[in-house]
Amino acid sequence: MASGFDPYKVIKYPIMTEKTMRMVEEENKLVFVVDLRANKHAIKRAVEELFDVEVEKVWTLITPRGEKKAIVKLRPEYKASDVAVRLGIL
């Protein structure tokens, strides 16, 4: 994944459920489905490049459906709700 880094290949799409909406509003976190081969550094870089924010922490997990989910916590000076509005999910 290192050569020819493409943030659009790393981040597939945002997940919007009631639970993730609460995470956006209360914990300043965004949730995405990402490429299975993407590591936390690539996910952090992709989110920072795509949405012009700074990422504090990234958690990843593989869902029972075999998808990789990334929970991205933004730095306090950035609002997850602003990114969600730009994505059209809020």
PDB file of N, CA and C in Angstrom:
ATOM      1  N   MET A   1       0.819  -1.203   0.000  1.00  0.00           N
ATOM      2  CA  MET A   1       0.000   0.000   0.000  1.00  0.00           C
ATOM      3  C   MET A   1       0.858   1.260   0.000  1.00  0.00           C
ATOM      4  N   ALA A   2       2.145   1.140   0.261  1.00  0.00           N
ATOM      5  CA  ALA A   2       2.982   2.319   0.451  1.00  0.00           C
ATOM      6  C   ALA A   2       3.145   3.134  -0.827  1.00  0.00           C
ATOM      7  N   SER A   3       3.482   2.479  -1.934  1.00  0.00           N
ATOM      8  CA  SER A   3       3.730   3.250  -3.154  1.00  0.00           C
ATOM      9  C   SER A   3       2.424   3.716  -3.778  1.00  0.00           C
ATOM     10  N   GLY A   4       2.414   4.954  -4.237  1.00  0.00           N
ATOM     11  CA  GLY A   4       1.212   5.517  -4.859  1.00  0.00           C
ATOM     12  C   GLY A   4       0.035   5.575  -3.910  1.00  0.00           C
ATOM     13  N   PHE A   5       0.261   6.142  -2.734  1.00  0.00           N
ATOM     14  CA  PHE A   5      -0.780   6.230  -1.700  1.00  0.00           C
ATOM     15  C   PHE A   5      -2.011   6.953  -2.229  1.00  0.00           C
ATOM     16  N   ASP A   6      -3.171   6.313  -2.134  1.00  0.00           N
ATOM     17  CA  ASP A   6      -4.425   6.919  -2.575  1.00  0.00           C
ATOM     18  C   ASP A   6      -5.438   6.853  -1.441  1.00  0.00           C
ATOM     19  N   PRO A   7      -5.711   8.011  -0.793  1.00  0.00           N
ATOM     20  CA  PRO A   7      -6.636   7.985   0.343  1.00  0.00           C
ATOM     21  C   PRO A   7      -8.031   7.477  -0.023  1.00  0.00           C
ATOM     22  N   TYR A   8      -8.412   7.623  -1.307  1.00  0.00           N
ATOM     23  CA  TYR A   8      -9.733   7.158  -1.733  1.00  0.00           C
ATOM     24  C   TYR A   8      -9.821   5.641  -1.790  1.00  0.00           C
ATOM     25  N   LYS A   9      -8.665   4.963  -1.876  1.00  0.00           N
ATOM     26  CA  LYS A   9      -8.663   3.500  -1.866  1.00  0.00           C
ATOM     27  C   LYS A   9      -8.650   2.966  -0.435  1.00  0.00           C
ATOM     28  N   VAL A  10      -8.107   3.768   0.493  1.00  0.00           N
ATOM     29  CA  VAL A  10      -8.026   3.344   1.896  1.00  0.00           C
ATOM     30  C   VAL A  10      -9.401   3.447   2.554  1.00  0.00           C
ATOM     31  N   ILE A  11     -10.025   4.623   2.442  1.00  0.00           N
ATOM     32  CA  ILE A  11     -11.338   4.866   3.047  1.00  0.00           C
ATOM     33  C   ILE A  11     -12.400   4.488   2.028  1.00  0.00           C
ATOM     34  N   LYS A  12     -13.225   3.493   2.346  1.00  0.00           N
ATOM     35  CA  LYS A  12     -14.267   3.091   1.398  1.00  0.00           C
ATOM     36  C   LYS A  12     -15.522   3.941   1.565  1.00  0.00           C
ATOM     37  N   TYR A  13     -16.115   3.928   2.761  1.00  0.00           N
ATOM     38  CA  TYR A  13     -17.313   4.734   2.999  1.00  0.00           C
ATOM     39  C   TYR A  13     -17.546   4.884   4.494  1.00  0.00           C
ATOM     40  N   PRO A  14     -18.250   5.963   4.890  1.00  0.00           N
ATOM     41  CA  PRO A  14     -18.556   6.157   6.308  1.00  0.00           C
ATOM     42  C   PRO A  14     -19.716   5.270   6.735  1.00  0.00           C
ATOM     43  N   ILE A  15     -19.773   4.940   8.002  1.00  0.00           N
ATOM     44  CA  ILE A  15     -20.883   4.161   8.552  1.00  0.00           C
ATOM     45  C   ILE A  15     -21.743   5.109   9.373  1.00  0.00           C
ATOM     46  N   MET A  16     -23.024   5.133   9.086  1.00  0.00           N
ATOM     47  CA  MET A  16     -23.920   5.992   9.841  1.00  0.00           C
ATOM     48  C   MET A  16     -25.062   5.179  10.428  1.00  0.00           C
ATOM     49  N   THR A  17     -24.963   4.919  11.715  1.00  0.00           N
ATOM     50  CA  THR A  17     -26.035   4.262  12.454  1.00  0.00           C
ATOM     51  C   THR A  17     -26.317   5.158  13.657  1.00  0.00           C
ATOM     52  N   GLU A  18     -27.315   4.803  14.441  1.00  0.00           N
ATOM     53  CA  GLU A  18     -27.581   5.605  15.645  1.00  0.00           C
ATOM     54  C   GLU A  18     -26.370   5.611  16.561  1.00  0.00           C
ATOM     55  N   LYS A  19     -25.717   4.465  16.681  1.00  0.00           N
ATOM     56  CA  LYS A  19     -24.546   4.360  17.549  1.00  0.00           C
ATOM     57  C   LYS A  19     -23.405   5.249  17.048  1.00  0.00           C
ATOM     58  N   THR A  20     -23.131   5.200  15.751  1.00  0.00           N
ATOM     59  CA  THR A  20     -22.029   6.012  15.231  1.00  0.00           C
ATOM     60  C   THR A  20     -22.381   7.504  15.260  1.00  0.00           C
ATOM     61  N   MET A  21     -23.652   7.834  15.130  1.00  0.00           N
ATOM     62  CA  MET A  21     -24.059   9.244  15.228  1.00  0.00           C
ATOM     63  C   MET A  21     -23.772   9.763  16.639  1.00  0.00           C
ATOM     64  N   ARG A  22     -24.030   8.930  17.645  1.00  0.00           N
ATOM     65  CA  ARG A  22     -23.749   9.323  19.021  1.00  0.00           C
ATOM     66  C   ARG A  22     -22.240   9.512  19.210  1.00  0.00           C
ATOM     67  N   MET A  23     -21.446   8.640  18.582  1.00  0.00           N
ATOM     68  CA  MET A  23     -19.991   8.768  18.666  1.00  0.00           C
ATOM     69  C   MET A  23     -19.524  10.085  18.040  1.00  0.00           C
ATOM     70  N   VAL A  24     -20.141  10.463  16.921  1.00  0.00           N
ATOM     71  CA  VAL A  24     -19.801  11.728  16.268  1.00  0.00           C
ATOM     72  C   VAL A  24     -20.094  12.891  17.207  1.00  0.00           C
ATOM     73  N   GLU A  25     -21.284  12.880  17.798  1.00  0.00           N
ATOM     74  CA  GLU A  25     -21.720  14.013  18.596  1.00  0.00           C
ATOM     75  C   GLU A  25     -21.061  14.077  19.973  1.00  0.00           C
ATOM     76  N   GLU A  26     -20.890  12.927  20.640  1.00  0.00           N
ATOM     77  CA  GLU A  26     -20.423  12.939  22.024  1.00  0.00           C
ATOM     78  C   GLU A  26     -18.927  12.679  22.178  1.00  0.00           C
ATOM     79  N   GLU A  27     -18.342  11.886  21.272  1.00  0.00           N
ATOM     80  CA  GLU A  27     -16.943  11.472  21.469  1.00  0.00           C
ATOM     81  C   GLU A  27     -16.003  12.012  20.408  1.00  0.00           C
ATOM     82  N   ASN A  28     -16.531  12.788  19.438  1.00  0.00           N
ATOM     83  CA  ASN A  28     -15.718  13.364  18.363  1.00  0.00           C
ATOM     84  C   ASN A  28     -15.027  12.277  17.531  1.00  0.00           C
ATOM     85  N   LYS A  29     -15.788  11.199  17.246  1.00  0.00           N
ATOM     86  CA  LYS A  29     -15.244  10.078  16.478  1.00  0.00           C
ATOM     87  C   LYS A  29     -16.040   9.882  15.195  1.00  0.00           C
ATOM     88  N   LEU A  30     -15.351   9.394  14.157  1.00  0.00           N
ATOM     89  CA  LEU A  30     -15.985   9.021  12.891  1.00  0.00           C
ATOM     90  C   LEU A  30     -15.722   7.537  12.669  1.00  0.00           C
ATOM     91  N   VAL A  31     -16.642   6.865  11.982  1.00  0.00           N
ATOM     92  CA  VAL A  31     -16.481   5.433  11.732  1.00  0.00           C
ATOM     93  C   VAL A  31     -16.549   5.198  10.221  1.00  0.00           C
ATOM     94  N   PHE A  32     -15.550   4.480   9.704  1.00  0.00           N
ATOM     95  CA  PHE A  32     -15.469   4.190   8.273  1.00  0.00           C
ATOM     96  C   PHE A  32     -15.248   2.706   8.051  1.00  0.00           C
ATOM     97  N   VAL A  33     -15.698   2.219   6.881  1.00  0.00           N
ATOM     98  CA  VAL A  33     -15.249   0.918   6.399  1.00  0.00           C
ATOM     99  C   VAL A  33     -14.028   1.220   5.553  1.00  0.00           C
ATOM    100  N   VAL A  34     -12.943   0.496   5.815  1.00  0.00           N
ATOM    101  CA  VAL A  34     -11.672   0.762   5.131  1.00  0.00           C
ATOM    102  C   VAL A  34     -11.170  -0.495   4.435  1.00  0.00           C
ATOM    103  N   ASP A  35     -10.149  -0.320   3.600  1.00  0.00           N
ATOM    104  CA  ASP A  35      -9.523  -1.433   2.896  1.00  0.00           C
ATOM    105  C   ASP A  35      -8.931  -2.406   3.920  1.00  0.00           C
ATOM    106  N   LEU A  36      -9.121  -3.693   3.699  1.00  0.00           N
ATOM    107  CA  LEU A  36      -8.625  -4.723   4.622  1.00  0.00           C
ATOM    108  C   LEU A  36      -7.116  -4.642   4.827  1.00  0.00           C
ATOM    109  N   ARG A  37      -6.378  -4.200   3.805  1.00  0.00           N
ATOM    110  CA  ARG A  37      -4.916  -4.164   3.895  1.00  0.00           C
ATOM    111  C   ARG A  37      -4.405  -2.886   4.551  1.00  0.00           C
ATOM    112  N   ALA A  38      -5.283  -1.923   4.793  1.00  0.00           N
ATOM    113  CA  ALA A  38      -4.849  -0.634   5.344  1.00  0.00           C
ATOM    114  C   ALA A  38      -4.474  -0.769   6.815  1.00  0.00           C
ATOM    115  N   ASN A  39      -3.324  -0.196   7.182  1.00  0.00           N
ATOM    116  CA  ASN A  39      -2.962  -0.184   8.600  1.00  0.00           C
ATOM    117  C   ASN A  39      -3.395   1.151   9.215  1.00  0.00           C
ATOM    118  N   LYS A  40      -3.196   1.282  10.528  1.00  0.00           N
ATOM    119  CA  LYS A  40      -3.669   2.472  11.234  1.00  0.00           C
ATOM    120  C   LYS A  40      -3.008   3.744  10.707  1.00  0.00           C
ATOM    121  N   HIS A  41      -1.718   3.657  10.345  1.00  0.00           N
ATOM    122  CA  HIS A  41      -1.017   4.840   9.826  1.00  0.00           C
ATOM    123  C   HIS A  41      -1.637   5.296   8.506  1.00  0.00           C
ATOM    124  N   ALA A  42      -1.941   4.338   7.639  1.00  0.00           N
ATOM    125  CA  ALA A  42      -2.541   4.677   6.337  1.00  0.00           C
ATOM    126  C   ALA A  42      -3.935   5.273   6.531  1.00  0.00           C
ATOM    127  N   ILE A  43      -4.693   4.718   7.463  1.00  0.00           N
ATOM    128  CA  ILE A  43      -6.047   5.220   7.737  1.00  0.00           C
ATOM    129  C   ILE A  43      -5.965   6.642   8.270  1.00  0.00           C
ATOM    130  N   LYS A  44      -5.059   6.872   9.219  1.00  0.00           N
ATOM    131  CA  LYS A  44      -4.884   8.213   9.791  1.00  0.00           C
ATOM    132  C   LYS A  44      -4.526   9.215   8.692  1.00  0.00           C
ATOM    133  N   ARG A  45      -3.560   8.846   7.860  1.00  0.00           N
ATOM    134  CA  ARG A  45      -3.109   9.740   6.786  1.00  0.00           C
ATOM    135  C   ARG A  45      -4.232  10.030   5.792  1.00  0.00           C
ATOM    136  N   ALA A  46      -5.000   8.987   5.455  1.00  0.00           N
ATOM    137  CA  ALA A  46      -6.092   9.156   4.494  1.00  0.00           C
ATOM    138  C   ALA A  46      -7.158  10.103   5.042  1.00  0.00           C
ATOM    139  N   VAL A  47      -7.548   9.920   6.301  1.00  0.00           N
ATOM    140  CA  VAL A  47      -8.572  10.780   6.907  1.00  0.00           C
ATOM    141  C   VAL A  47      -8.066  12.218   6.974  1.00  0.00           C
ATOM    142  N   GLU A  48      -6.800  12.385   7.366  1.00  0.00           N
ATOM    143  CA  GLU A  48      -6.247  13.736   7.467  1.00  0.00           C
ATOM    144  C   GLU A  48      -6.201  14.415   6.098  1.00  0.00           C
ATOM    145  N   GLU A  49      -5.817  13.664   5.058  1.00  0.00           N
ATOM    146  CA  GLU A  49      -5.743  14.235   3.708  1.00  0.00           C
ATOM    147  C   GLU A  49      -7.125  14.542   3.138  1.00  0.00           C
ATOM    148  N   LEU A  50      -8.056  13.601   3.301  1.00  0.00           N
ATOM    149  CA  LEU A  50      -9.375  13.758   2.689  1.00  0.00           C
ATOM    150  C   LEU A  50     -10.204  14.857   3.340  1.00  0.00           C
ATOM    151  N   PHE A  51     -10.110  14.980   4.658  1.00  0.00           N
ATOM    152  CA  PHE A  51     -11.027  15.875   5.369  1.00  0.00           C
ATOM    153  C   PHE A  51     -10.335  17.066   6.021  1.00  0.00           C
ATOM    154  N   ASP A  52      -9.008  17.205   5.803  1.00  0.00           N
ATOM    155  CA  ASP A  52      -8.259  18.345   6.308  1.00  0.00           C
ATOM    156  C   ASP A  52      -8.432  18.509   7.820  1.00  0.00           C
ATOM    157  N   VAL A  53      -8.231  17.420   8.552  1.00  0.00           N
ATOM    158  CA  VAL A  53      -8.339  17.416  10.013  1.00  0.00           C
ATOM    159  C   VAL A  53      -7.085  16.742  10.582  1.00  0.00           C
ATOM    160  N   GLU A  54      -6.937  16.776  11.902  1.00  0.00           N
ATOM    161  CA  GLU A  54      -5.862  16.034  12.556  1.00  0.00           C
ATOM    162  C   GLU A  54      -6.481  14.910  13.378  1.00  0.00           C
ATOM    163  N   VAL A  55      -5.904  13.721  13.245  1.00  0.00           N
ATOM    164  CA  VAL A  55      -6.424  12.535  13.920  1.00  0.00           C
ATOM    165  C   VAL A  55      -5.635  12.292  15.200  1.00  0.00           C
ATOM    166  N   GLU A  56      -6.361  12.021  16.276  1.00  0.00           N
ATOM    167  CA  GLU A  56      -5.719  11.739  17.561  1.00  0.00           C
ATOM    168  C   GLU A  56      -5.412  10.249  17.707  1.00  0.00           C
ATOM    169  N   LYS A  57      -6.392   9.396  17.324  1.00  0.00           N
ATOM    170  CA  LYS A  57      -6.227   7.959  17.530  1.00  0.00           C
ATOM    171  C   LYS A  57      -7.091   7.188  16.535  1.00  0.00           C
ATOM    172  N   VAL A  58      -6.622   5.987  16.181  1.00  0.00           N
ATOM    173  CA  VAL A  58      -7.374   5.111  15.273  1.00  0.00           C
ATOM    174  C   VAL A  58      -7.502   3.732  15.904  1.00  0.00           C
ATOM    175  N   TRP A  59      -8.720   3.220  15.948  1.00  0.00           N
ATOM    176  CA  TRP A  59      -8.972   1.832  16.361  1.00  0.00           C
ATOM    177  C   TRP A  59      -9.474   1.099  15.133  1.00  0.00           C
ATOM    178  N   THR A  60      -9.088  -0.168  14.981  1.00  0.00           N
ATOM    179  CA  THR A  60      -9.598  -0.954  13.854  1.00  0.00           C
ATOM    180  C   THR A  60     -10.148  -2.272  14.362  1.00  0.00           C
ATOM    181  N   LEU A  61     -11.099  -2.821  13.608  1.00  0.00           N
ATOM    182  CA  LEU A  61     -11.626  -4.141  13.919  1.00  0.00           C
ATOM    183  C   LEU A  61     -12.172  -4.761  12.640  1.00  0.00           C
ATOM    184  N   ILE A  62     -12.179  -6.065  12.620  1.00  0.00           N
ATOM    185  CA  ILE A  62     -12.749  -6.794  11.487  1.00  0.00           C
ATOM    186  C   ILE A  62     -14.153  -7.226  11.894  1.00  0.00           C
ATOM    187  N   THR A  63     -15.135  -6.876  11.088  1.00  0.00           N
ATOM    188  CA  THR A  63     -16.516  -7.222  11.411  1.00  0.00           C
ATOM    189  C   THR A  63     -16.770  -8.695  11.079  1.00  0.00           C
ATOM    190  N   PRO A  64     -17.844  -9.261  11.617  1.00  0.00           N
ATOM    191  CA  PRO A  64     -18.185 -10.652  11.283  1.00  0.00           C
ATOM    192  C   PRO A  64     -18.411 -10.844   9.779  1.00  0.00           C
ATOM    193  N   ARG A  65     -18.731  -9.760   9.068  1.00  0.00           N
ATOM    194  CA  ARG A  65     -18.946  -9.842   7.616  1.00  0.00           C
ATOM    195  C   ARG A  65     -17.631  -9.778   6.841  1.00  0.00           C
ATOM    196  N   GLY A  66     -16.510  -9.662   7.568  1.00  0.00           N
ATOM    197  CA  GLY A  66     -15.205  -9.656   6.903  1.00  0.00           C
ATOM    198  C   GLY A  66     -14.771  -8.276   6.434  1.00  0.00           C
ATOM    199  N   GLU A  67     -15.459  -7.232   6.875  1.00  0.00           N
ATOM    200  CA  GLU A  67     -15.058  -5.875   6.509  1.00  0.00           C
ATOM    201  C   GLU A  67     -14.173  -5.315   7.618  1.00  0.00           C
ATOM    202  N   LYS A  68     -13.306  -4.387   7.254  1.00  0.00           N
ATOM    203  CA  LYS A  68     -12.479  -3.741   8.269  1.00  0.00           C
ATOM    204  C   LYS A  68     -13.097  -2.391   8.590  1.00  0.00           C
ATOM    205  N   LYS A  69     -13.327  -2.178   9.888  1.00  0.00           N
ATOM    206  CA  LYS A  69     -13.945  -0.941  10.341  1.00  0.00           C
ATOM    207  C   LYS A  69     -12.902  -0.134  11.095  1.00  0.00           C
ATOM    208  N   ALA A  70     -12.869   1.163  10.849  1.00  0.00           N
ATOM    209  CA  ALA A  70     -11.934   2.036  11.558  1.00  0.00           C
ATOM    210  C   ALA A  70     -12.720   3.087  12.321  1.00  0.00           C
ATOM    211  N   ILE A  71     -12.409   3.223  13.603  1.00  0.00           N
ATOM    212  CA  ILE A  71     -12.995   4.288  14.417  1.00  0.00           C
ATOM    213  C   ILE A  71     -11.887   5.317  14.579  1.00  0.00           C
ATOM    214  N   VAL A  72     -12.173   6.536  14.137  1.00  0.00           N
ATOM    215  CA  VAL A  72     -11.161   7.585  14.088  1.00  0.00           C
ATOM    216  C   VAL A  72     -11.544   8.708  15.034  1.00  0.00           C
ATOM    217  N   LYS A  73     -10.707   8.943  16.046  1.00  0.00           N
ATOM    218  CA  LYS A  73     -10.961  10.046  16.985  1.00  0.00           C
ATOM    219  C   LYS A  73     -10.172  11.261  16.521  1.00  0.00           C
ATOM    220  N   LEU A  74     -10.882  12.383  16.355  1.00  0.00           N
ATOM    221  CA  LEU A  74     -10.238  13.609  15.906  1.00  0.00           C
ATOM    222  C   LEU A  74      -9.656  14.380  17.088  1.00  0.00           C
ATOM    223  N   ARG A  75      -8.646  15.207  16.808  1.00  0.00           N
ATOM    224  CA  ARG A  75      -8.079  16.084  17.838  1.00  0.00           C
ATOM    225  C   ARG A  75      -9.167  17.040  18.300  1.00  0.00           C
ATOM    226  N   PRO A  76      -9.103  17.523  19.559  1.00  0.00           N
ATOM    227  CA  PRO A  76     -10.170  18.366  20.125  1.00  0.00           C
ATOM    228  C   PRO A  76     -10.467  19.629  19.314  1.00  0.00           C
ATOM    229  N   GLU A  77      -9.455  20.157  18.594  1.00  0.00           N
ATOM    230  CA  GLU A  77      -9.696  21.391  17.840  1.00  0.00           C
ATOM    231  C   GLU A  77     -10.494  21.169  16.551  1.00  0.00           C
ATOM    232  N   TYR A  78     -10.769  19.917  16.212  1.00  0.00           N
ATOM    233  CA  TYR A  78     -11.586  19.588  15.036  1.00  0.00           C
ATOM    234  C   TYR A  78     -12.877  18.932  15.486  1.00  0.00           C
ATOM    235  N   LYS A  79     -13.951  19.170  14.751  1.00  0.00           N
ATOM    236  CA  LYS A  79     -15.256  18.616  15.114  1.00  0.00           C
ATOM    237  C   LYS A  79     -15.653  17.515  14.126  1.00  0.00           C
ATOM    238  N   ALA A  80     -15.931  16.333  14.661  1.00  0.00           N
ATOM    239  CA  ALA A  80     -16.375  15.217  13.826  1.00  0.00           C
ATOM    240  C   ALA A  80     -17.694  15.567  13.140  1.00  0.00           C
ATOM    241  N   SER A  81     -18.525  16.369  13.820  1.00  0.00           N
ATOM    242  CA  SER A  81     -19.811  16.738  13.231  1.00  0.00           C
ATOM    243  C   SER A  81     -19.613  17.585  11.966  1.00  0.00           C
ATOM    244  N   ASP A  82     -18.555  18.421  11.926  1.00  0.00           N
ATOM    245  CA  ASP A  82     -18.270  19.217  10.723  1.00  0.00           C
ATOM    246  C   ASP A  82     -17.935  18.305   9.541  1.00  0.00           C
ATOM    247  N   VAL A  83     -17.122  17.282   9.800  1.00  0.00           N
ATOM    248  CA  VAL A  83     -16.773  16.330   8.746  1.00  0.00           C
ATOM    249  C   VAL A  83     -18.010  15.555   8.303  1.00  0.00           C
ATOM    250  N   ALA A  84     -18.844  15.148   9.272  1.00  0.00           N
ATOM    251  CA  ALA A  84     -20.069  14.407   8.954  1.00  0.00           C
ATOM    252  C   ALA A  84     -20.997  15.244   8.076  1.00  0.00           C
ATOM    253  N   VAL A  85     -21.089  16.542   8.351  1.00  0.00           N
ATOM    254  CA  VAL A  85     -21.909  17.433   7.528  1.00  0.00           C
ATOM    255  C   VAL A  85     -21.337  17.502   6.107  1.00  0.00           C
ATOM    256  N   ARG A  86     -20.000  17.626   5.997  1.00  0.00           N
ATOM    257  CA  ARG A  86     -19.360  17.672   4.673  1.00  0.00           C
ATOM    258  C   ARG A  86     -19.593  16.383   3.894  1.00  0.00           C
ATOM    259  N   LEU A  87     -19.657  15.259   4.626  1.00  0.00           N
ATOM    260  CA  LEU A  87     -19.901  13.967   3.975  1.00  0.00           C
ATOM    261  C   LEU A  87     -21.385  13.792   3.626  1.00  0.00           C
ATOM    262  N   GLY A  88     -22.223  14.686   4.151  1.00  0.00           N
ATOM    263  CA  GLY A  88     -23.659  14.579   3.888  1.00  0.00           C
ATOM    264  C   GLY A  88     -24.339  13.514   4.713  1.00  0.00           C
ATOM    265  N   ILE A  89     -23.761  13.176   5.867  1.00  0.00           N
ATOM    266  CA  ILE A  89     -24.352  12.122   6.696  1.00  0.00           C
ATOM    267  C   ILE A  89     -24.935  12.669   7.987  1.00  0.00           C
ATOM    268  N   LEU A  90     -24.942  13.981   8.143  1.00  0.00           N
ATOM    269  CA  LEU A  90     -25.509  14.566   9.356  1.00  0.00           C
ATOM    270  C   LEU A  90     -26.558  15.598   8.976  1.00  0.00           C
TER     271      LEU A  90
END
